[in-house]
Structure formats: C-alpha cells, structure tokens
Amino acid sequence: MPLGWSVPSSAVCTIRSRAAAELRAAPLLHGGTASSRRLQMGSSSHSAAWTSLPPPRPEPAPAPGRGVCMMSTSWRDKQHPDLVNFIAAFLAANSYRLNFLSISPDFIINNGGLSVAFIFETSWDCENEAAVFSRVNTLKRQFKNLYVVVAVPTVEQIESFNQSYFRYDMELGCPTFVPVNDPEMGFEKMLKIAHARGVCKQQDISSTMKNEREQAVQCMDAFLQVVTSIPGIDNHDANMLAQAIGSIEAIAKAPKSLILESTDLSTDKAETVVRFFRDRQYYLSPKIN
C-alpha cells in the first residue's frame, strides 16, 4: 500500500469478519494446516465461539454404467483426434464404457442387453458412394439392428446423398439412414438411438406397438367392409370419409352438406351415404353392387 493511504477501521472489521466466515464455511482437507487444526481445537481467544467443523461428506459412488460402446480401430485411425476425444468425453458423461476393437461396423453400442451397429460417415463423399453402399449391403445381412449415420453439412452433399440413395435402390428402412449436420450431432443421435432401442426391449414396447398396429389394421379393414357395402362407395371414398368425418357413427350422423364440404364425393354419393344410414326402407332393401 502506498505511503499516506489509510484504511478505515470499519473496513478492517468487515474484511476480518468476512475472512472468518469463509474459514468457517470452507471444508478442510484431510489433515489440514496447523492454523486450521488450531481453529478446530478451540485455541486462542476465539476458540469459545468456534466449534469444531464436521468432517467432509464422502463423495457418492459413481453411477453404474448404462452400456458399452465399441469403436472400430480402423475408423478411429481415420478420424481427427478432436472428434475421438469428443466421443470419449460424451460417453463418459453419460456413463458408457468405451472399448476400441477390430469390428466390421464403425460402432456397436450395447444398451439394456440390445446391441445396435452403426456405420458412421463423418463427411459424405460422392466419389466414395459405391464403397459405402456396398458396405451397407454387406453389413445389413450380418446385423439385425443396423443404422447408417451420414454427415451432410452442405446443400450439395445433401443432394448428392439423396441421388446416390435412390441410384443404388436402397430399401426404405432397411437399414435406416440418419442424415445429420455434423459428426458431433451424428454421434449424439447414435447414442440416443441405442438408448431408445434398449429401453424398448426392456419394457417390451415393440411388441405392444406391433399388437396395436395389428388391431388398428383389423379395425380399418372392418370399417372398409362396412362403408364399401354402401352402393357406389369404393375404397377411396371410404378412406376419404374416414379421414374427414371419422367413425361409422360419425358418418351416420353427418349431414349431406358436411360430407360434400369435407370430401370429394359427388352429390349422388353423398345422398346415398345419408340415405343408407337414415332411410330404414333403403338400408333394409336388397342391393346388388
């Protein structure tokens, strides 16, 4: 402090009281310093006011790992170290264990007892498209759960990828292609897909959804059988009524004006639908389609 400067006594008291509060609040390291041990034991004139500090709480045990991620060594050697470091840190933050192995796909992620394989193209190259789709066709026969993640950051790459996808006659969803903006987003998508598939297996959601889809198809088939029994109404008309009006009960109550406004049915067909559900003599009389 330069000569001639003075500090008010009130400021000195404030600084001392603040320092004392910080000492009381700060956790002590194992063993502590000589001054901290004196504070805990109550020596000096302030010992009566300060009680011994409680021991620090033990750190919680690390959470059990969610799964295992296996990275291909050949894929790793072709990538920039920053991307590999990002993947390792992202996996550690989400309690995944990372192993480097010599495997056919670029990644295999196991979550909840289900393994999902991934092909990870970090930057789409149209000159390498033949090798990529050849590899996809090979691996989809080896792995039941296979996804292809492709980074297409530019409009040109997106157009090139779309053209290549249809040029090589890929079957939609076999396997599923996941285009992303950058490699970091791509790996996050991969981990989310593996996690979701593992959760679905544990909760048996897939079989439940399959049963619901089968029930929905059966209900729709029954709906079509009823509506197409109306003279002059075909499958297209029945689907239009289902989308615009709804259930059979709703169609039976719908006026002619609503049918004409909501669908592309002709006036004659709309009158036939209304008569079929409301004219007792009409719907009980024999009809030949």
C-alpha atoms as a PDB file:
ATOM      1  CA  MET A   1       0.000   0.000   0.000  1.00  0.00           C
ATOM      2  CA  PRO A   2       1.467   3.445  -0.885  1.00  0.00           C
ATOM      3  CA  LEU A   3       2.527   5.708   1.936  1.00  0.00           C
ATOM      4  CA  GLY A   4      -0.051   8.203   3.116  1.00  0.00           C
ATOM      5  CA  TRP A   5      -3.032   5.931   2.451  1.00  0.00           C
ATOM      6  CA  SER A   6      -5.183   4.867   5.372  1.00  0.00           C
ATOM      7  CA  VAL A   7      -7.884   2.219   5.673  1.00  0.00           C
ATOM      8  CA  PRO A   8     -10.961   2.986   7.774  1.00  0.00           C
ATOM      9  CA  SER A   9     -11.382   0.832  10.843  1.00  0.00           C
ATOM     10  CA  SER A  10     -14.863  -0.234   9.701  1.00  0.00           C
ATOM     11  CA  ALA A  11     -13.390  -1.711   6.512  1.00  0.00           C
ATOM     12  CA  VAL A  12     -10.813  -3.639   8.530  1.00  0.00           C
ATOM     13  CA  CYS A  13     -13.566  -5.136  10.677  1.00  0.00           C
ATOM     14  CA  THR A  14     -15.564  -6.063   7.596  1.00  0.00           C
ATOM     15  CA  ILE A  15     -12.591  -7.801   5.982  1.00  0.00           C
ATOM     16  CA  ARG A  16     -11.781  -9.721   9.184  1.00  0.00           C
ATOM     17  CA  SER A  17     -15.373 -10.862   9.725  1.00  0.00           C
ATOM     18  CA  ARG A  18     -15.669 -11.944   6.083  1.00  0.00           C
ATOM     19  CA  ALA A  19     -12.439 -13.921   6.275  1.00  0.00           C
ATOM     20  CA  ALA A  20     -13.601 -15.626   9.447  1.00  0.00           C
ATOM     21  CA  ALA A  21     -16.890 -16.599   7.797  1.00  0.00           C
ATOM     22  CA  GLU A  22     -15.077 -18.059   4.808  1.00  0.00           C
ATOM     23  CA  LEU A  23     -12.857 -20.104   7.083  1.00  0.00           C
ATOM     24  CA  ARG A  24     -15.858 -21.481   8.921  1.00  0.00           C
ATOM     25  CA  ALA A  25     -17.631 -22.401   5.650  1.00  0.00           C
ATOM     26  CA  ALA A  26     -14.653 -23.864   3.746  1.00  0.00           C
ATOM     27  CA  PRO A  27     -14.218 -27.671   4.017  1.00  0.00           C
ATOM     28  CA  LEU A  28     -10.836 -28.727   5.389  1.00  0.00           C
ATOM     29  CA  LEU A  29      -8.539 -31.067   3.502  1.00  0.00           C
ATOM     30  CA  HIS A  30      -7.529 -34.329   5.099  1.00  0.00           C
ATOM     31  CA  GLY A  31      -5.112 -33.408   7.933  1.00  0.00           C
ATOM     32  CA  GLY A  32      -5.400 -29.637   7.367  1.00  0.00           C
ATOM     33  CA  THR A  33      -2.816 -26.982   8.161  1.00  0.00           C
ATOM     34  CA  ALA A  34      -1.512 -26.053  11.597  1.00  0.00           C
ATOM     35  CA  SER A  35      -3.700 -22.948  11.770  1.00  0.00           C
ATOM     36  CA  SER A  36      -6.829 -24.879  10.720  1.00  0.00           C
ATOM     37  CA  ARG A  37      -6.148 -27.545  13.358  1.00  0.00           C
ATOM     38  CA  ARG A  38      -5.839 -24.821  15.989  1.00  0.00           C
ATOM     39  CA  LEU A  39      -9.166 -23.395  14.881  1.00  0.00           C
ATOM     40  CA  GLN A  40     -10.841 -26.789  15.207  1.00  0.00           C
ATOM     41  CA  MET A  41      -9.378 -27.447  18.655  1.00  0.00           C
ATOM     42  CA  GLY A  42     -10.515 -24.070  20.004  1.00  0.00           C
ATOM     43  CA  SER A  43      -7.167 -22.499  20.829  1.00  0.00           C
ATOM     44  CA  SER A  44      -6.742 -18.701  21.014  1.00  0.00           C
ATOM     45  CA  SER A  45      -9.299 -16.235  22.267  1.00  0.00           C
ATOM     46  CA  HIS A  46     -11.834 -17.157  19.572  1.00  0.00           C
ATOM     47  CA  SER A  47     -11.990 -20.864  20.489  1.00  0.00           C
ATOM     48  CA  ALA A  48     -15.081 -20.393  22.602  1.00  0.00           C
ATOM     49  CA  ALA A  49     -17.064 -19.049  19.647  1.00  0.00           C
ATOM     50  CA  TRP A  50     -15.917 -21.545  17.010  1.00  0.00           C
ATOM     51  CA  THR A  51     -16.849 -25.190  17.325  1.00  0.00           C
ATOM     52  CA  SER A  52     -15.043 -27.977  15.541  1.00  0.00           C
ATOM     53  CA  LEU A  53     -16.050 -28.324  11.890  1.00  0.00           C
ATOM     54  CA  PRO A  54     -17.802 -31.538  10.805  1.00  0.00           C
ATOM     55  CA  PRO A  55     -15.814 -33.951   8.646  1.00  0.00           C
ATOM     56  CA  PRO A  56     -16.386 -33.615   4.906  1.00  0.00           C
ATOM     57  CA  ARG A  57     -19.077 -35.814   3.431  1.00  0.00           C
ATOM     58  CA  PRO A  58     -17.831 -38.797   1.427  1.00  0.00           C
ATOM     59  CA  GLU A  59     -18.253 -38.457  -2.323  1.00  0.00           C
ATOM     60  CA  PRO A  60     -21.102 -40.526  -3.749  1.00  0.00           C
ATOM     61  CA  ALA A  61     -20.180 -43.692  -5.551  1.00  0.00           C
ATOM     62  CA  PRO A  62     -20.226 -43.405  -9.340  1.00  0.00           C
ATOM     63  CA  ALA A  63     -23.457 -44.453 -11.004  1.00  0.00           C
ATOM     64  CA  PRO A  64     -23.438 -47.849 -12.720  1.00  0.00           C
ATOM     65  CA  GLY A  65     -22.660 -47.690 -16.422  1.00  0.00           C
ATOM     66  CA  ARG A  66     -25.544 -47.506 -18.840  1.00  0.00           C
ATOM     67  CA  GLY A  67     -23.856 -49.548 -21.511  1.00  0.00           C
ATOM     68  CA  VAL A  68     -20.810 -50.273 -23.624  1.00  0.00           C
ATOM     69  CA  CYS A  69     -19.680 -48.558 -26.808  1.00  0.00           C
ATOM     70  CA  MET A  70     -17.294 -50.419 -29.098  1.00  0.00           C
ATOM     71  CA  MET A  71     -15.410 -48.280 -31.605  1.00  0.00           C
ATOM     72  CA  SER A  72     -13.646 -49.711 -34.640  1.00  0.00           C
ATOM     73  CA  THR A  73      -9.903 -49.144 -34.508  1.00  0.00           C
ATOM     74  CA  SER A  74      -9.753 -48.665 -38.283  1.00  0.00           C
ATOM     75  CA  TRP A  75     -12.487 -45.995 -38.098  1.00  0.00           C
ATOM     76  CA  ARG A  76     -10.711 -44.289 -35.182  1.00  0.00           C
ATOM     77  CA  ASP A  77      -7.404 -44.085 -37.048  1.00  0.00           C
ATOM     78  CA  LYS A  78      -9.058 -42.215 -39.938  1.00  0.00           C
ATOM     79  CA  GLN A  79     -10.653 -39.520 -37.774  1.00  0.00           C
ATOM     80  CA  HIS A  80      -9.402 -36.258 -36.327  1.00  0.00           C
ATOM     81  CA  PRO A  81      -8.290 -36.636 -32.683  1.00  0.00           C
ATOM     82  CA  ASP A  82     -10.700 -33.889 -31.594  1.00  0.00           C
ATOM     83  CA  LEU A  83     -13.697 -35.948 -32.739  1.00  0.00           C
ATOM     84  CA  VAL A  84     -12.423 -39.075 -30.963  1.00  0.00           C
ATOM     85  CA  ASN A  85     -11.849 -37.047 -27.784  1.00  0.00           C
ATOM     86  CA  PHE A  86     -15.354 -35.589 -28.023  1.00  0.00           C
ATOM     87  CA  ILE A  87     -16.851 -39.076 -28.334  1.00  0.00           C
ATOM     88  CA  ALA A  88     -14.846 -40.366 -25.372  1.00  0.00           C
ATOM     89  CA  ALA A  89     -15.906 -37.404 -23.201  1.00  0.00           C
ATOM     90  CA  PHE A  90     -19.543 -37.668 -24.285  1.00  0.00           C
ATOM     91  CA  LEU A  91     -19.639 -41.369 -23.447  1.00  0.00           C
ATOM     92  CA  ALA A  92     -18.020 -40.814 -20.054  1.00  0.00           C
ATOM     93  CA  ALA A  93     -20.516 -38.059 -19.227  1.00  0.00           C
ATOM     94  CA  ASN A  94     -23.373 -40.484 -19.972  1.00  0.00           C
ATOM     95  CA  SER A  95     -21.859 -43.411 -18.030  1.00  0.00           C
ATOM     96  CA  TYR A  96     -20.868 -45.507 -21.057  1.00  0.00           C
ATOM     97  CA  ARG A  97     -17.703 -47.562 -21.252  1.00  0.00           C
ATOM     98  CA  LEU A  98     -15.623 -47.175 -24.421  1.00  0.00           C
ATOM     99  CA  ASN A  99     -13.675 -50.033 -25.950  1.00  0.00           C
ATOM    100  CA  PHE A 100     -11.529 -49.987 -29.088  1.00  0.00           C
ATOM    101  CA  LEU A 101     -11.893 -53.217 -31.082  1.00  0.00           C
ATOM    102  CA  SER A 102     -11.391 -54.561 -34.570  1.00  0.00           C
ATOM    103  CA  ILE A 103     -15.030 -54.837 -35.701  1.00  0.00           C
ATOM    104  CA  SER A 104     -16.796 -54.698 -39.069  1.00  0.00           C
ATOM    105  CA  PRO A 105     -19.142 -51.764 -38.398  1.00  0.00           C
ATOM    106  CA  ASP A 106     -17.774 -48.453 -37.166  1.00  0.00           C
ATOM    107  CA  PHE A 107     -19.603 -48.702 -33.835  1.00  0.00           C
ATOM    108  CA  ILE A 108     -21.540 -51.253 -31.816  1.00  0.00           C
ATOM    109  CA  ILE A 109     -23.421 -49.816 -28.835  1.00  0.00           C
ATOM    110  CA  ASN A 110     -24.936 -52.163 -26.273  1.00  0.00           C
ATOM    111  CA  ASN A 111     -27.677 -50.789 -24.049  1.00  0.00           C
ATOM    112  CA  GLY A 112     -30.141 -52.773 -21.981  1.00  0.00           C
ATOM    113  CA  GLY A 113     -28.929 -56.067 -23.416  1.00  0.00           C
ATOM    114  CA  LEU A 114     -29.508 -54.988 -27.036  1.00  0.00           C
ATOM    115  CA  SER A 115     -26.635 -54.341 -29.459  1.00  0.00           C
ATOM    116  CA  VAL A 116     -27.044 -51.787 -32.262  1.00  0.00           C
ATOM    117  CA  ALA A 117     -24.485 -51.491 -35.070  1.00  0.00           C
ATOM    118  CA  PHE A 118     -23.670 -48.228 -36.848  1.00  0.00           C
ATOM    119  CA  ILE A 119     -21.911 -47.131 -39.992  1.00  0.00           C
ATOM    120  CA  PHE A 120     -20.704 -43.582 -39.365  1.00  0.00           C
ATOM    121  CA  GLU A 121     -19.754 -41.446 -42.362  1.00  0.00           C
ATOM    122  CA  THR A 122     -18.455 -38.198 -40.857  1.00  0.00           C
ATOM    123  CA  SER A 123     -18.482 -36.379 -44.223  1.00  0.00           C
ATOM    124  CA  TRP A 124     -20.328 -37.514 -47.340  1.00  0.00           C
ATOM    125  CA  ASP A 125     -18.055 -38.016 -50.335  1.00  0.00           C
ATOM    126  CA  CYS A 126     -19.800 -38.696 -53.648  1.00  0.00           C
ATOM    127  CA  GLU A 127     -16.646 -40.270 -55.043  1.00  0.00           C
ATOM    128  CA  ASN A 128     -16.800 -42.925 -52.333  1.00  0.00           C
ATOM    129  CA  GLU A 129     -20.512 -43.721 -52.685  1.00  0.00           C
ATOM    130  CA  ALA A 130     -20.016 -47.133 -54.311  1.00  0.00           C
ATOM    131  CA  ALA A 131     -17.861 -48.374 -51.428  1.00  0.00           C
ATOM    132  CA  VAL A 132     -20.296 -47.001 -48.839  1.00  0.00           C
ATOM    133  CA  PHE A 133     -23.408 -48.671 -50.278  1.00  0.00           C
ATOM    134  CA  SER A 134     -21.545 -51.911 -50.931  1.00  0.00           C
ATOM    135  CA  ARG A 135     -20.537 -51.970 -47.283  1.00  0.00           C
ATOM    136  CA  VAL A 136     -24.113 -51.198 -46.231  1.00  0.00           C
ATOM    137  CA  ASN A 137     -25.459 -54.139 -48.246  1.00  0.00           C
ATOM    138  CA  THR A 138     -22.867 -56.430 -46.676  1.00  0.00           C
ATOM    139  CA  LEU A 139     -23.402 -55.393 -43.061  1.00  0.00           C
ATOM    140  CA  LYS A 140     -27.206 -55.350 -43.179  1.00  0.00           C
ATOM    141  CA  ARG A 141     -27.069 -59.107 -43.782  1.00  0.00           C
ATOM    142  CA  GLN A 142     -24.837 -59.562 -40.729  1.00  0.00           C
ATOM    143  CA  PHE A 143     -26.521 -57.247 -38.207  1.00  0.00           C
ATOM    144  CA  LYS A 144     -30.239 -57.170 -37.491  1.00  0.00           C
ATOM    145  CA  ASN A 145     -30.081 -53.709 -35.897  1.00  0.00           C
ATOM    146  CA  LEU A 146     -28.049 -51.554 -38.280  1.00  0.00           C
ATOM    147  CA  TYR A 147     -28.162 -47.789 -38.791  1.00  0.00           C
ATOM    148  CA  VAL A 148     -26.190 -45.603 -41.189  1.00  0.00           C
ATOM    149  CA  VAL A 149     -25.362 -42.105 -39.921  1.00  0.00           C
ATOM    150  CA  VAL A 150     -24.169 -39.692 -42.608  1.00  0.00           C
ATOM    151  CA  ALA A 151     -22.948 -36.121 -42.053  1.00  0.00           C
ATOM    152  CA  VAL A 152     -24.126 -33.871 -44.909  1.00  0.00           C
ATOM    153  CA  PRO A 153     -23.370 -30.275 -43.840  1.00  0.00           C
ATOM    154  CA  THR A 154     -23.863 -28.629 -47.260  1.00  0.00           C
ATOM    155  CA  VAL A 155     -26.746 -28.483 -49.715  1.00  0.00           C
ATOM    156  CA  GLU A 156     -24.569 -30.059 -52.415  1.00  0.00           C
ATOM    157  CA  GLN A 157     -23.778 -33.028 -50.186  1.00  0.00           C
ATOM    158  CA  ILE A 158     -27.457 -33.477 -49.321  1.00  0.00           C
ATOM    159  CA  GLU A 159     -28.438 -33.565 -52.998  1.00  0.00           C
ATOM    160  CA  SER A 160     -25.577 -35.930 -53.831  1.00  0.00           C
ATOM    161  CA  PHE A 161     -26.537 -38.274 -50.993  1.00  0.00           C
ATOM    162  CA  ASN A 162     -30.227 -38.320 -51.983  1.00  0.00           C
ATOM    163  CA  GLN A 163     -29.377 -39.127 -55.597  1.00  0.00           C
ATOM    164  CA  SER A 164     -26.999 -41.897 -54.545  1.00  0.00           C
ATOM    165  CA  TYR A 165     -29.564 -43.391 -52.157  1.00  0.00           C
ATOM    166  CA  PHE A 166     -32.113 -43.909 -54.953  1.00  0.00           C
ATOM    167  CA  ARG A 167     -29.486 -44.794 -57.553  1.00  0.00           C
ATOM    168  CA  TYR A 168     -28.421 -47.829 -55.504  1.00  0.00           C
ATOM    169  CA  ASP A 169     -32.055 -48.937 -54.940  1.00  0.00           C
ATOM    170  CA  MET A 170     -31.896 -48.920 -51.157  1.00  0.00           C
ATOM    171  CA  GLU A 171     -34.979 -50.332 -49.439  1.00  0.00           C
ATOM    172  CA  LEU A 172     -36.597 -47.760 -47.182  1.00  0.00           C
ATOM    173  CA  GLY A 173     -35.777 -48.527 -43.550  1.00  0.00           C
ATOM    174  CA  CYS A 174     -33.512 -51.479 -44.370  1.00  0.00           C
ATOM    175  CA  PRO A 175     -31.285 -50.188 -42.955  1.00  0.00           C
ATOM    176  CA  THR A 176     -32.314 -46.783 -41.637  1.00  0.00           C
ATOM    177  CA  PHE A 177     -30.208 -43.842 -42.838  1.00  0.00           C
ATOM    178  CA  VAL A 178     -29.809 -40.870 -40.472  1.00  0.00           C
ATOM    179  CA  PRO A 179     -28.517 -37.687 -42.162  1.00  0.00           C
ATOM    180  CA  VAL A 180     -27.076 -35.079 -39.764  1.00  0.00           C
ATOM    181  CA  ASN A 181     -25.425 -31.664 -39.969  1.00  0.00           C
ATOM    182  CA  ASP A 182     -22.113 -32.515 -38.316  1.00  0.00           C
ATOM    183  CA  PRO A 183     -20.259 -35.502 -36.769  1.00  0.00           C
ATOM    184  CA  GLU A 184     -20.902 -34.405 -33.181  1.00  0.00           C
ATOM    185  CA  MET A 185     -24.651 -34.356 -33.784  1.00  0.00           C
ATOM    186  CA  GLY A 186     -24.323 -37.695 -35.546  1.00  0.00           C
ATOM    187  CA  PHE A 187     -22.791 -39.430 -32.562  1.00  0.00           C
ATOM    188  CA  GLU A 188     -25.380 -37.940 -30.209  1.00  0.00           C
ATOM    189  CA  LYS A 189     -28.081 -39.381 -32.485  1.00  0.00           C
ATOM    190  CA  MET A 190     -26.367 -42.762 -32.399  1.00  0.00           C
ATOM    191  CA  LEU A 191     -26.334 -42.844 -28.618  1.00  0.00           C
ATOM    192  CA  LYS A 192     -29.988 -41.787 -28.435  1.00  0.00           C
ATOM    193  CA  ILE A 193     -30.993 -44.493 -30.910  1.00  0.00           C
ATOM    194  CA  ALA A 194     -29.125 -47.193 -28.989  1.00  0.00           C
ATOM    195  CA  HIS A 195     -30.599 -45.990 -25.696  1.00  0.00           C
ATOM    196  CA  ALA A 196     -34.146 -45.925 -27.094  1.00  0.00           C
ATOM    197  CA  ARG A 197     -33.811 -49.411 -28.577  1.00  0.00           C
ATOM    198  CA  GLY A 198     -32.505 -50.742 -25.265  1.00  0.00           C
ATOM    199  CA  VAL A 199     -35.382 -49.175 -23.324  1.00  0.00           C
ATOM    200  CA  CYS A 200     -37.898 -50.578 -25.808  1.00  0.00           C
ATOM    201  CA  LYS A 201     -36.508 -54.056 -25.324  1.00  0.00           C
ATOM    202  CA  GLN A 202     -36.604 -53.788 -21.544  1.00  0.00           C
ATOM    203  CA  GLN A 203     -40.180 -52.514 -21.471  1.00  0.00           C
ATOM    204  CA  ASP A 204     -41.324 -54.705 -24.381  1.00  0.00           C
ATOM    205  CA  ILE A 205     -42.739 -51.649 -26.097  1.00  0.00           C
ATOM    206  CA  SER A 206     -42.061 -53.019 -29.554  1.00  0.00           C
ATOM    207  CA  SER A 207     -44.394 -55.989 -29.171  1.00  0.00           C
ATOM    208  CA  THR A 208     -47.074 -53.736 -27.671  1.00  0.00           C
ATOM    209  CA  MET A 209     -46.838 -51.330 -30.607  1.00  0.00           C
ATOM    210  CA  LYS A 210     -46.969 -54.237 -33.044  1.00  0.00           C
ATOM    211  CA  ASN A 211     -50.162 -55.537 -31.418  1.00  0.00           C
ATOM    212  CA  GLU A 212     -51.683 -52.061 -31.519  1.00  0.00           C
ATOM    213  CA  ARG A 213     -50.838 -51.704 -35.206  1.00  0.00           C
ATOM    214  CA  GLU A 214     -52.405 -55.103 -35.955  1.00  0.00           C
ATOM    215  CA  GLN A 215     -55.558 -54.105 -34.067  1.00  0.00           C
ATOM    216  CA  ALA A 216     -55.692 -50.798 -35.934  1.00  0.00           C
ATOM    217  CA  VAL A 217     -55.372 -52.604 -39.275  1.00  0.00           C
ATOM    218  CA  GLN A 218     -58.138 -55.027 -38.307  1.00  0.00           C
ATOM    219  CA  CYS A 219     -60.400 -52.154 -37.254  1.00  0.00           C
ATOM    220  CA  MET A 220     -59.714 -50.344 -40.527  1.00  0.00           C
ATOM    221  CA  ASP A 221     -60.477 -53.488 -42.526  1.00  0.00           C
ATOM    222  CA  ALA A 222     -63.806 -53.836 -40.725  1.00  0.00           C
ATOM    223  CA  PHE A 223     -64.531 -50.156 -41.331  1.00  0.00           C
ATOM    224  CA  LEU A 224     -63.853 -50.507 -45.068  1.00  0.00           C
ATOM    225  CA  GLN A 225     -66.068 -53.569 -45.294  1.00  0.00           C
ATOM    226  CA  VAL A 226     -68.984 -51.691 -43.753  1.00  0.00           C
ATOM    227  CA  VAL A 227     -68.614 -48.434 -45.693  1.00  0.00           C
ATOM    228  CA  THR A 228     -67.922 -50.077 -49.062  1.00  0.00           C
ATOM    229  CA  SER A 229     -71.128 -52.090 -48.637  1.00  0.00           C
ATOM    230  CA  ILE A 230     -72.931 -48.820 -49.413  1.00  0.00           C
ATOM    231  CA  PRO A 231     -73.851 -48.909 -53.114  1.00  0.00           C
ATOM    232  CA  GLY A 232     -71.453 -46.847 -55.224  1.00  0.00           C
ATOM    233  CA  ILE A 233     -68.878 -46.299 -52.447  1.00  0.00           C
ATOM    234  CA  ASP A 234     -65.390 -47.668 -53.167  1.00  0.00           C
ATOM    235  CA  ASN A 235     -62.206 -47.889 -51.044  1.00  0.00           C
ATOM    236  CA  HIS A 236     -61.136 -44.364 -51.980  1.00  0.00           C
ATOM    237  CA  ASP A 237     -64.471 -42.933 -50.875  1.00  0.00           C
ATOM    238  CA  ALA A 238     -64.353 -44.954 -47.642  1.00  0.00           C
ATOM    239  CA  ASN A 239     -60.844 -43.747 -46.810  1.00  0.00           C
ATOM    240  CA  MET A 240     -61.891 -40.164 -47.547  1.00  0.00           C
ATOM    241  CA  LEU A 241     -64.876 -40.470 -45.201  1.00  0.00           C
ATOM    242  CA  ALA A 242     -62.673 -41.988 -42.501  1.00  0.00           C
ATOM    243  CA  GLN A 243     -60.137 -39.155 -42.686  1.00  0.00           C
ATOM    244  CA  ALA A 244     -62.644 -36.308 -42.983  1.00  0.00           C
ATOM    245  CA  ILE A 245     -65.591 -37.484 -40.872  1.00  0.00           C
ATOM    246  CA  GLY A 246     -64.258 -40.236 -38.610  1.00  0.00           C
ATOM    247  CA  SER A 247     -66.009 -43.293 -37.261  1.00  0.00           C
ATOM    248  CA  ILE A 248     -69.008 -45.068 -38.744  1.00  0.00           C
ATOM    249  CA  GLU A 249     -71.202 -43.496 -36.064  1.00  0.00           C
ATOM    250  CA  ALA A 250     -69.980 -40.020 -37.051  1.00  0.00           C
ATOM    251  CA  ILE A 251     -70.600 -40.757 -40.739  1.00  0.00           C
ATOM    252  CA  ALA A 252     -74.122 -41.976 -39.945  1.00  0.00           C
ATOM    253  CA  LYS A 253     -74.900 -38.671 -38.187  1.00  0.00           C
ATOM    254  CA  ALA A 254     -73.150 -36.390 -40.712  1.00  0.00           C
ATOM    255  CA  PRO A 255     -75.436 -34.265 -42.897  1.00  0.00           C
ATOM    256  CA  LYS A 256     -75.085 -34.183 -46.648  1.00  0.00           C
ATOM    257  CA  SER A 257     -73.619 -30.673 -46.595  1.00  0.00           C
ATOM    258  CA  LEU A 258     -70.763 -31.742 -44.276  1.00  0.00           C
ATOM    259  CA  ILE A 259     -69.899 -34.717 -46.488  1.00  0.00           C
ATOM    260  CA  LEU A 260     -69.755 -32.519 -49.573  1.00  0.00           C
ATOM    261  CA  GLU A 261     -67.617 -29.894 -47.834  1.00  0.00           C
ATOM    262  CA  SER A 262     -65.165 -32.352 -46.258  1.00  0.00           C
ATOM    263  CA  THR A 263     -64.703 -34.916 -49.040  1.00  0.00           C
ATOM    264  CA  ASP A 264     -64.521 -35.163 -52.814  1.00  0.00           C
ATOM    265  CA  LEU A 265     -67.641 -37.345 -53.007  1.00  0.00           C
ATOM    266  CA  SER A 266     -70.188 -36.407 -55.612  1.00  0.00           C
ATOM    267  CA  THR A 267     -73.675 -35.208 -54.712  1.00  0.00           C
ATOM    268  CA  ASP A 268     -75.198 -38.566 -55.657  1.00  0.00           C
ATOM    269  CA  LYS A 269     -72.736 -40.469 -53.445  1.00  0.00           C
ATOM    270  CA  ALA A 270     -73.318 -38.109 -50.515  1.00  0.00           C
ATOM    271  CA  GLU A 271     -77.090 -38.611 -50.827  1.00  0.00           C
ATOM    272  CA  THR A 272     -76.566 -42.379 -50.971  1.00  0.00           C
ATOM    273  CA  VAL A 273     -74.494 -42.329 -47.762  1.00  0.00           C
ATOM    274  CA  VAL A 274     -77.114 -40.261 -45.926  1.00  0.00           C
ATOM    275  CA  ARG A 275     -79.980 -42.481 -47.138  1.00  0.00           C
ATOM    276  CA  PHE A 276     -78.086 -45.670 -46.261  1.00  0.00           C
ATOM    277  CA  PHE A 277     -77.851 -44.741 -42.588  1.00  0.00           C
ATOM    278  CA  ARG A 278     -81.150 -42.838 -42.144  1.00  0.00           C
ATOM    279  CA  ASP A 279     -83.718 -44.332 -44.502  1.00  0.00           C
ATOM    280  CA  ARG A 280     -84.876 -47.598 -42.922  1.00  0.00           C
ATOM    281  CA  GLN A 281     -86.570 -48.866 -46.042  1.00  0.00           C
ATOM    282  CA  TYR A 282     -83.466 -48.100 -48.107  1.00  0.00           C
ATOM    283  CA  TYR A 283     -80.834 -49.854 -45.973  1.00  0.00           C
ATOM    284  CA  LEU A 284     -83.078 -52.884 -45.353  1.00  0.00           C
ATOM    285  CA  SER A 285     -83.890 -53.384 -49.028  1.00  0.00           C
ATOM    286  CA  PRO A 286     -81.740 -55.870 -51.017  1.00  0.00           C
ATOM    287  CA  LYS A 287     -78.936 -54.290 -53.091  1.00  0.00           C
ATOM    288  CA  ILE A 288     -76.598 -55.580 -55.768  1.00  0.00           C
ATOM    289  CA  ASN A 289     -73.220 -53.855 -56.004  1.00  0.00           C
END
